[in-house]
Amino acid sequence: MRLRTAGYLIGAAFLAGFALMYARAVTWERDHNPQPLVLPISLAPGTIRTPEIKIDLNRDYDIVIDFEENPLRDERINIDIAWQLWDGTTTAAQGSSVNKPWQDWGGTVERTLGRFKGKAGHRYTLTLQVNPETSSLNHAGPILKVQIPRGLWEDYGAGLFIRRLASYAVGVIGLLIVGGSFLSRAGQRKNLSLSPE
């Protein structure tokens, strides 16, 4: 009897652990955005100022512009966009897109503008100065993004997968313990009812 009661308690503890681990994994995923800015923009000459960019992770972030591949088939020119990252009223980083690489990600062409070291909890704004020769790419649907480097996306995804998998494993163990305790109790009741008095 005590063993079965202990089984129920241990199983319940495992199930509570599962609920806690799963909730933490979901919260971590929600609070750690790998792309804190996705903003369609116009490449007409002039200045672009973004809304606030909330950074969740202490790591490098890339500033890129994504284009649809088809309109750019023969137009991968050396675009000239100067950028400045603001942390309040202080310049946190600055740079230019000149001589930065183009990358093709399965139908999306990406142009790197630069990289900065983000600090978790900080809120940045980004200012772009678009020069006239860049406006010829405006027809390709440019989207400005601030994101963790694409090479780290697999690590980020693997971390989320491991957190969720661990919570599922704890939940399954809890269910097996509770189920085993229940079957043991049901088996003992059956044996008691069949035994002669």
C-alpha atoms as a PDB file:
ATOM      1  CA  MET A   1       0.000   0.000   0.000  1.00  0.00           C
ATOM      2  CA  ARG A   2       2.745   2.422   0.945  1.00  0.00           C
ATOM      3  CA  LEU A   3       4.666   1.553  -2.232  1.00  0.00           C
ATOM      4  CA  ARG A   4       1.657   2.375  -4.421  1.00  0.00           C
ATOM      5  CA  THR A   5       1.035   5.646  -2.578  1.00  0.00           C
ATOM      6  CA  ALA A   6       4.704   6.532  -3.030  1.00  0.00           C
ATOM      7  CA  GLY A   7       4.320   5.656  -6.732  1.00  0.00           C
ATOM      8  CA  TYR A   8       1.406   8.073  -7.066  1.00  0.00           C
ATOM      9  CA  LEU A   9       3.369  10.811  -5.296  1.00  0.00           C
ATOM     10  CA  ILE A  10       6.506  10.252  -7.363  1.00  0.00           C
ATOM     11  CA  GLY A  11       4.451  10.140 -10.578  1.00  0.00           C
ATOM     12  CA  ALA A  12       2.645  13.336  -9.593  1.00  0.00           C
ATOM     13  CA  ALA A  13       6.019  14.976  -8.884  1.00  0.00           C
ATOM     14  CA  PHE A  14       7.255  13.973 -12.354  1.00  0.00           C
ATOM     15  CA  LEU A  15       4.066  15.327 -13.958  1.00  0.00           C
ATOM     16  CA  ALA A  16       4.446  18.595 -12.053  1.00  0.00           C
ATOM     17  CA  GLY A  17       8.077  18.711 -13.233  1.00  0.00           C
ATOM     18  CA  PHE A  18       6.889  18.196 -16.810  1.00  0.00           C
ATOM     19  CA  ALA A  19       4.400  21.068 -16.518  1.00  0.00           C
ATOM     20  CA  LEU A  20       7.051  23.371 -15.070  1.00  0.00           C
ATOM     21  CA  MET A  21       9.726  22.435 -17.645  1.00  0.00           C
ATOM     22  CA  TYR A  22       7.295  22.795 -20.550  1.00  0.00           C
ATOM     23  CA  ALA A  23       6.064  26.180 -19.314  1.00  0.00           C
ATOM     24  CA  ARG A  24       9.670  27.368 -18.966  1.00  0.00           C
ATOM     25  CA  ALA A  25      10.505  26.157 -22.505  1.00  0.00           C
ATOM     26  CA  VAL A  26       7.495  27.987 -23.974  1.00  0.00           C
ATOM     27  CA  THR A  27       8.308  31.152 -22.001  1.00  0.00           C
ATOM     28  CA  TRP A  28      11.959  30.996 -23.075  1.00  0.00           C
ATOM     29  CA  GLU A  29      10.924  30.638 -26.721  1.00  0.00           C
ATOM     30  CA  ARG A  30       8.510  33.572 -26.462  1.00  0.00           C
ATOM     31  CA  ASP A  31      11.033  35.792 -24.663  1.00  0.00           C
ATOM     32  CA  HIS A  32      14.013  35.046 -26.919  1.00  0.00           C
ATOM     33  CA  ASN A  33      13.179  36.313 -30.366  1.00  0.00           C
ATOM     34  CA  PRO A  34      15.837  35.503 -33.001  1.00  0.00           C
ATOM     35  CA  GLN A  35      14.418  38.235 -35.285  1.00  0.00           C
ATOM     36  CA  PRO A  36      13.495  41.264 -33.164  1.00  0.00           C
ATOM     37  CA  LEU A  37      12.869  43.443 -36.249  1.00  0.00           C
ATOM     38  CA  VAL A  38      11.121  42.535 -39.509  1.00  0.00           C
ATOM     39  CA  LEU A  39      10.105  45.717 -41.327  1.00  0.00           C
ATOM     40  CA  PRO A  40       9.137  46.225 -44.986  1.00  0.00           C
ATOM     41  CA  ILE A  41      10.911  49.366 -46.213  1.00  0.00           C
ATOM     42  CA  SER A  42      11.202  51.605 -49.245  1.00  0.00           C
ATOM     43  CA  LEU A  43      14.645  52.133 -50.756  1.00  0.00           C
ATOM     44  CA  ALA A  44      13.755  55.596 -52.010  1.00  0.00           C
ATOM     45  CA  PRO A  45      16.661  57.969 -51.258  1.00  0.00           C
ATOM     46  CA  GLY A  46      16.449  59.412 -47.759  1.00  0.00           C
ATOM     47  CA  THR A  47      16.474  58.440 -44.093  1.00  0.00           C
ATOM     48  CA  ILE A  48      14.661  55.500 -42.516  1.00  0.00           C
ATOM     49  CA  ARG A  49      14.204  55.324 -38.741  1.00  0.00           C
ATOM     50  CA  THR A  50      12.924  52.060 -37.284  1.00  0.00           C
ATOM     51  CA  PRO A  51      10.641  51.529 -34.309  1.00  0.00           C
ATOM     52  CA  GLU A  52      12.270  50.294 -31.091  1.00  0.00           C
ATOM     53  CA  ILE A  53      14.127  46.998 -31.357  1.00  0.00           C
ATOM     54  CA  LYS A  54      13.968  44.987 -28.102  1.00  0.00           C
ATOM     55  CA  ILE A  55      16.972  42.687 -27.773  1.00  0.00           C
ATOM     56  CA  ASP A  56      16.541  39.474 -25.736  1.00  0.00           C
ATOM     57  CA  LEU A  57      19.938  37.805 -26.082  1.00  0.00           C
ATOM     58  CA  ASN A  58      23.516  38.864 -25.340  1.00  0.00           C
ATOM     59  CA  ARG A  59      25.011  38.061 -28.731  1.00  0.00           C
ATOM     60  CA  ASP A  60      25.830  39.355 -32.188  1.00  0.00           C
ATOM     61  CA  TYR A  61      22.954  40.469 -34.405  1.00  0.00           C
ATOM     62  CA  ASP A  62      23.032  40.953 -38.168  1.00  0.00           C
ATOM     63  CA  ILE A  63      21.333  43.845 -39.921  1.00  0.00           C
ATOM     64  CA  VAL A  64      20.148  42.614 -43.317  1.00  0.00           C
ATOM     65  CA  ILE A  65      17.744  43.425 -46.122  1.00  0.00           C
ATOM     66  CA  ASP A  66      15.858  40.531 -47.716  1.00  0.00           C
ATOM     67  CA  PHE A  67      14.695  40.708 -51.346  1.00  0.00           C
ATOM     68  CA  GLU A  68      12.609  38.421 -53.490  1.00  0.00           C
ATOM     69  CA  GLU A  69      15.040  36.441 -55.649  1.00  0.00           C
ATOM     70  CA  ASN A  70      13.391  36.748 -59.089  1.00  0.00           C
ATOM     71  CA  PRO A  71      13.569  40.546 -59.463  1.00  0.00           C
ATOM     72  CA  LEU A  72      17.255  40.475 -58.498  1.00  0.00           C
ATOM     73  CA  ARG A  73      18.466  37.803 -60.874  1.00  0.00           C
ATOM     74  CA  ASP A  74      20.803  40.182 -62.697  1.00  0.00           C
ATOM     75  CA  GLU A  75      20.836  43.127 -60.300  1.00  0.00           C
ATOM     76  CA  ARG A  76      23.024  42.188 -57.348  1.00  0.00           C
ATOM     77  CA  ILE A  77      24.718  45.545 -57.343  1.00  0.00           C
ATOM     78  CA  ASN A  78      26.883  46.970 -54.599  1.00  0.00           C
ATOM     79  CA  ILE A  79      24.194  48.891 -52.723  1.00  0.00           C
ATOM     80  CA  ASP A  80      25.176  51.792 -50.513  1.00  0.00           C
ATOM     81  CA  ILE A  81      23.232  52.177 -47.275  1.00  0.00           C
ATOM     82  CA  ALA A  82      24.833  53.761 -44.217  1.00  0.00           C
ATOM     83  CA  TRP A  83      23.392  52.724 -40.853  1.00  0.00           C
ATOM     84  CA  GLN A  84      23.599  53.879 -37.262  1.00  0.00           C
ATOM     85  CA  LEU A  85      22.314  51.983 -34.216  1.00  0.00           C
ATOM     86  CA  TRP A  86      21.112  54.058 -31.270  1.00  0.00           C
ATOM     87  CA  ASP A  87      20.871  52.994 -27.636  1.00  0.00           C
ATOM     88  CA  GLY A  88      18.757  55.885 -26.380  1.00  0.00           C
ATOM     89  CA  THR A  89      20.717  58.985 -27.450  1.00  0.00           C
ATOM     90  CA  THR A  90      24.069  57.167 -27.696  1.00  0.00           C
ATOM     91  CA  THR A  91      25.456  55.627 -30.869  1.00  0.00           C
ATOM     92  CA  ALA A  92      25.941  51.902 -30.125  1.00  0.00           C
ATOM     93  CA  ALA A  93      27.271  50.908 -33.577  1.00  0.00           C
ATOM     94  CA  GLN A  94      27.445  52.165 -37.145  1.00  0.00           C
ATOM     95  CA  GLY A  95      28.536  50.999 -40.557  1.00  0.00           C
ATOM     96  CA  SER A  96      27.772  50.732 -44.244  1.00  0.00           C
ATOM     97  CA  SER A  97      26.586  48.073 -46.656  1.00  0.00           C
ATOM     98  CA  VAL A  98      29.378  48.797 -49.151  1.00  0.00           C
ATOM     99  CA  ASN A  99      31.260  45.601 -50.059  1.00  0.00           C
ATOM    100  CA  LYS A 100      29.116  43.433 -47.759  1.00  0.00           C
ATOM    101  CA  PRO A 101      28.077  40.029 -49.159  1.00  0.00           C
ATOM    102  CA  TRP A 102      24.882  38.888 -50.868  1.00  0.00           C
ATOM    103  CA  GLN A 103      23.523  35.516 -49.738  1.00  0.00           C
ATOM    104  CA  ASP A 104      20.866  33.285 -51.256  1.00  0.00           C
ATOM    105  CA  TRP A 105      18.623  31.440 -48.789  1.00  0.00           C
ATOM    106  CA  GLY A 106      16.371  29.292 -50.951  1.00  0.00           C
ATOM    107  CA  GLY A 107      14.351  31.898 -52.819  1.00  0.00           C
ATOM    108  CA  THR A 108      15.233  34.876 -50.631  1.00  0.00           C
ATOM    109  CA  VAL A 109      18.259  36.992 -51.441  1.00  0.00           C
ATOM    110  CA  GLU A 110      19.782  38.693 -48.441  1.00  0.00           C
ATOM    111  CA  ARG A 111      22.139  41.656 -48.355  1.00  0.00           C
ATOM    112  CA  THR A 112      24.130  42.165 -45.167  1.00  0.00           C
ATOM    113  CA  LEU A 113      24.380  45.750 -43.947  1.00  0.00           C
ATOM    114  CA  GLY A 114      26.421  45.056 -40.826  1.00  0.00           C
ATOM    115  CA  ARG A 115      26.603  43.435 -37.396  1.00  0.00           C
ATOM    116  CA  PHE A 116      26.412  44.694 -33.818  1.00  0.00           C
ATOM    117  CA  LYS A 117      26.775  43.243 -30.326  1.00  0.00           C
ATOM    118  CA  GLY A 118      23.329  43.235 -28.714  1.00  0.00           C
ATOM    119  CA  LYS A 119      22.748  43.440 -24.982  1.00  0.00           C
ATOM    120  CA  ALA A 120      19.732  41.668 -23.485  1.00  0.00           C
ATOM    121  CA  GLY A 121      17.085  44.045 -22.196  1.00  0.00           C
ATOM    122  CA  HIS A 122      18.281  47.002 -24.270  1.00  0.00           C
ATOM    123  CA  ARG A 123      16.002  48.778 -26.712  1.00  0.00           C
ATOM    124  CA  TYR A 124      17.684  50.127 -29.814  1.00  0.00           C
ATOM    125  CA  THR A 125      16.586  52.140 -32.822  1.00  0.00           C
ATOM    126  CA  LEU A 126      18.195  51.934 -36.225  1.00  0.00           C
ATOM    127  CA  THR A 127      18.665  54.772 -38.697  1.00  0.00           C
ATOM    128  CA  LEU A 128      19.408  54.028 -42.372  1.00  0.00           C
ATOM    129  CA  GLN A 129      20.634  56.559 -44.913  1.00  0.00           C
ATOM    130  CA  VAL A 130      19.615  55.245 -48.338  1.00  0.00           C
ATOM    131  CA  ASN A 131      21.693  56.632 -51.210  1.00  0.00           C
ATOM    132  CA  PRO A 132      20.168  57.245 -54.690  1.00  0.00           C
ATOM    133  CA  GLU A 133      21.828  54.339 -56.554  1.00  0.00           C
ATOM    134  CA  THR A 134      20.092  51.861 -54.224  1.00  0.00           C
ATOM    135  CA  SER A 135      16.572  52.936 -55.202  1.00  0.00           C
ATOM    136  CA  SER A 136      16.683  50.761 -58.352  1.00  0.00           C
ATOM    137  CA  LEU A 137      16.112  47.729 -56.056  1.00  0.00           C
ATOM    138  CA  ASN A 138      12.916  49.112 -54.544  1.00  0.00           C
ATOM    139  CA  HIS A 139      10.765  46.922 -56.840  1.00  0.00           C
ATOM    140  CA  ALA A 140      12.146  43.726 -55.218  1.00  0.00           C
ATOM    141  CA  GLY A 141      10.117  44.026 -51.997  1.00  0.00           C
ATOM    142  CA  PRO A 142      12.904  44.922 -49.528  1.00  0.00           C
ATOM    143  CA  ILE A 143      12.423  43.841 -45.904  1.00  0.00           C
ATOM    144  CA  LEU A 144      14.777  45.142 -43.212  1.00  0.00           C
ATOM    145  CA  LYS A 145      15.622  42.572 -40.530  1.00  0.00           C
ATOM    146  CA  VAL A 146      17.650  42.484 -37.354  1.00  0.00           C
ATOM    147  CA  GLN A 147      18.366  38.845 -36.525  1.00  0.00           C
ATOM    148  CA  ILE A 148      20.825  36.478 -34.935  1.00  0.00           C
ATOM    149  CA  PRO A 149      23.294  35.268 -37.589  1.00  0.00           C
ATOM    150  CA  ARG A 150      21.732  32.584 -39.769  1.00  0.00           C
ATOM    151  CA  GLY A 151      24.550  30.186 -38.913  1.00  0.00           C
ATOM    152  CA  LEU A 152      23.281  30.161 -35.312  1.00  0.00           C
ATOM    153  CA  TRP A 153      19.634  29.461 -36.153  1.00  0.00           C
ATOM    154  CA  GLU A 154      20.222  25.703 -36.002  1.00  0.00           C
ATOM    155  CA  ASP A 155      21.767  26.041 -32.527  1.00  0.00           C
ATOM    156  CA  TYR A 156      18.807  28.147 -31.400  1.00  0.00           C
ATOM    157  CA  GLY A 157      16.333  25.610 -32.802  1.00  0.00           C
ATOM    158  CA  ALA A 158      18.236  22.693 -31.267  1.00  0.00           C
ATOM    159  CA  GLY A 159      18.164  24.389 -27.861  1.00  0.00           C
ATOM    160  CA  LEU A 160      14.383  24.774 -28.054  1.00  0.00           C
ATOM    161  CA  PHE A 161      13.990  21.158 -29.215  1.00  0.00           C
ATOM    162  CA  ILE A 162      16.108  19.821 -26.335  1.00  0.00           C
ATOM    163  CA  ARG A 163      14.146  21.845 -23.756  1.00  0.00           C
ATOM    164  CA  ARG A 164      10.822  20.534 -25.037  1.00  0.00           C
ATOM    165  CA  LEU A 165      12.078  16.960 -25.471  1.00  0.00           C
ATOM    166  CA  ALA A 166      13.339  16.902 -21.863  1.00  0.00           C
ATOM    167  CA  SER A 167       9.954  18.100 -20.604  1.00  0.00           C
ATOM    168  CA  TYR A 168       8.159  15.411 -22.662  1.00  0.00           C
ATOM    169  CA  ALA A 169      10.481  12.699 -21.303  1.00  0.00           C
ATOM    170  CA  VAL A 170       9.766  13.753 -17.707  1.00  0.00           C
ATOM    171  CA  GLY A 171       6.027  13.752 -18.476  1.00  0.00           C
ATOM    172  CA  VAL A 172       6.112  10.268 -19.990  1.00  0.00           C
ATOM    173  CA  ILE A 173       8.035   8.921 -16.986  1.00  0.00           C
ATOM    174  CA  GLY A 174       5.450  10.497 -14.673  1.00  0.00           C
ATOM    175  CA  LEU A 175       2.584   8.918 -16.614  1.00  0.00           C
ATOM    176  CA  LEU A 176       4.289   5.508 -16.547  1.00  0.00           C
ATOM    177  CA  ILE A 177       4.787   5.704 -12.780  1.00  0.00           C
ATOM    178  CA  VAL A 178       1.204   6.793 -12.097  1.00  0.00           C
ATOM    179  CA  GLY A 179      -0.131   4.210 -14.576  1.00  0.00           C
ATOM    180  CA  GLY A 180       2.000   1.449 -13.022  1.00  0.00           C
ATOM    181  CA  SER A 181       0.787   2.362  -9.536  1.00  0.00           C
ATOM    182  CA  PHE A 182      -2.816   2.357 -10.729  1.00  0.00           C
ATOM    183  CA  LEU A 183      -2.445  -1.051 -12.425  1.00  0.00           C
ATOM    184  CA  SER A 184      -0.746  -2.455  -9.343  1.00  0.00           C
ATOM    185  CA  ARG A 185      -3.601  -1.274  -7.158  1.00  0.00           C
ATOM    186  CA  ALA A 186      -6.225  -2.605  -9.575  1.00  0.00           C
ATOM    187  CA  GLY A 187      -4.417  -5.964  -9.684  1.00  0.00           C
ATOM    188  CA  GLN A 188      -4.319  -6.198  -5.899  1.00  0.00           C
ATOM    189  CA  ARG A 189      -8.050  -5.415  -5.613  1.00  0.00           C
ATOM    190  CA  LYS A 190      -8.786  -8.137  -8.170  1.00  0.00           C
ATOM    191  CA  ASN A 191      -6.657 -10.615  -6.211  1.00  0.00           C
ATOM    192  CA  LEU A 192      -8.434  -9.687  -2.973  1.00  0.00           C
ATOM    193  CA  SER A 193     -11.856 -10.163  -4.557  1.00  0.00           C
ATOM    194  CA  LEU A 194     -10.864 -13.600  -5.906  1.00  0.00           C
ATOM    195  CA  SER A 195      -9.294 -14.888  -2.706  1.00  0.00           C
ATOM    196  CA  PRO A 196     -11.499 -17.221  -0.549  1.00  0.00           C
ATOM    197  CA  GLU A 197     -12.632 -15.825   2.760  1.00  0.00           C
END
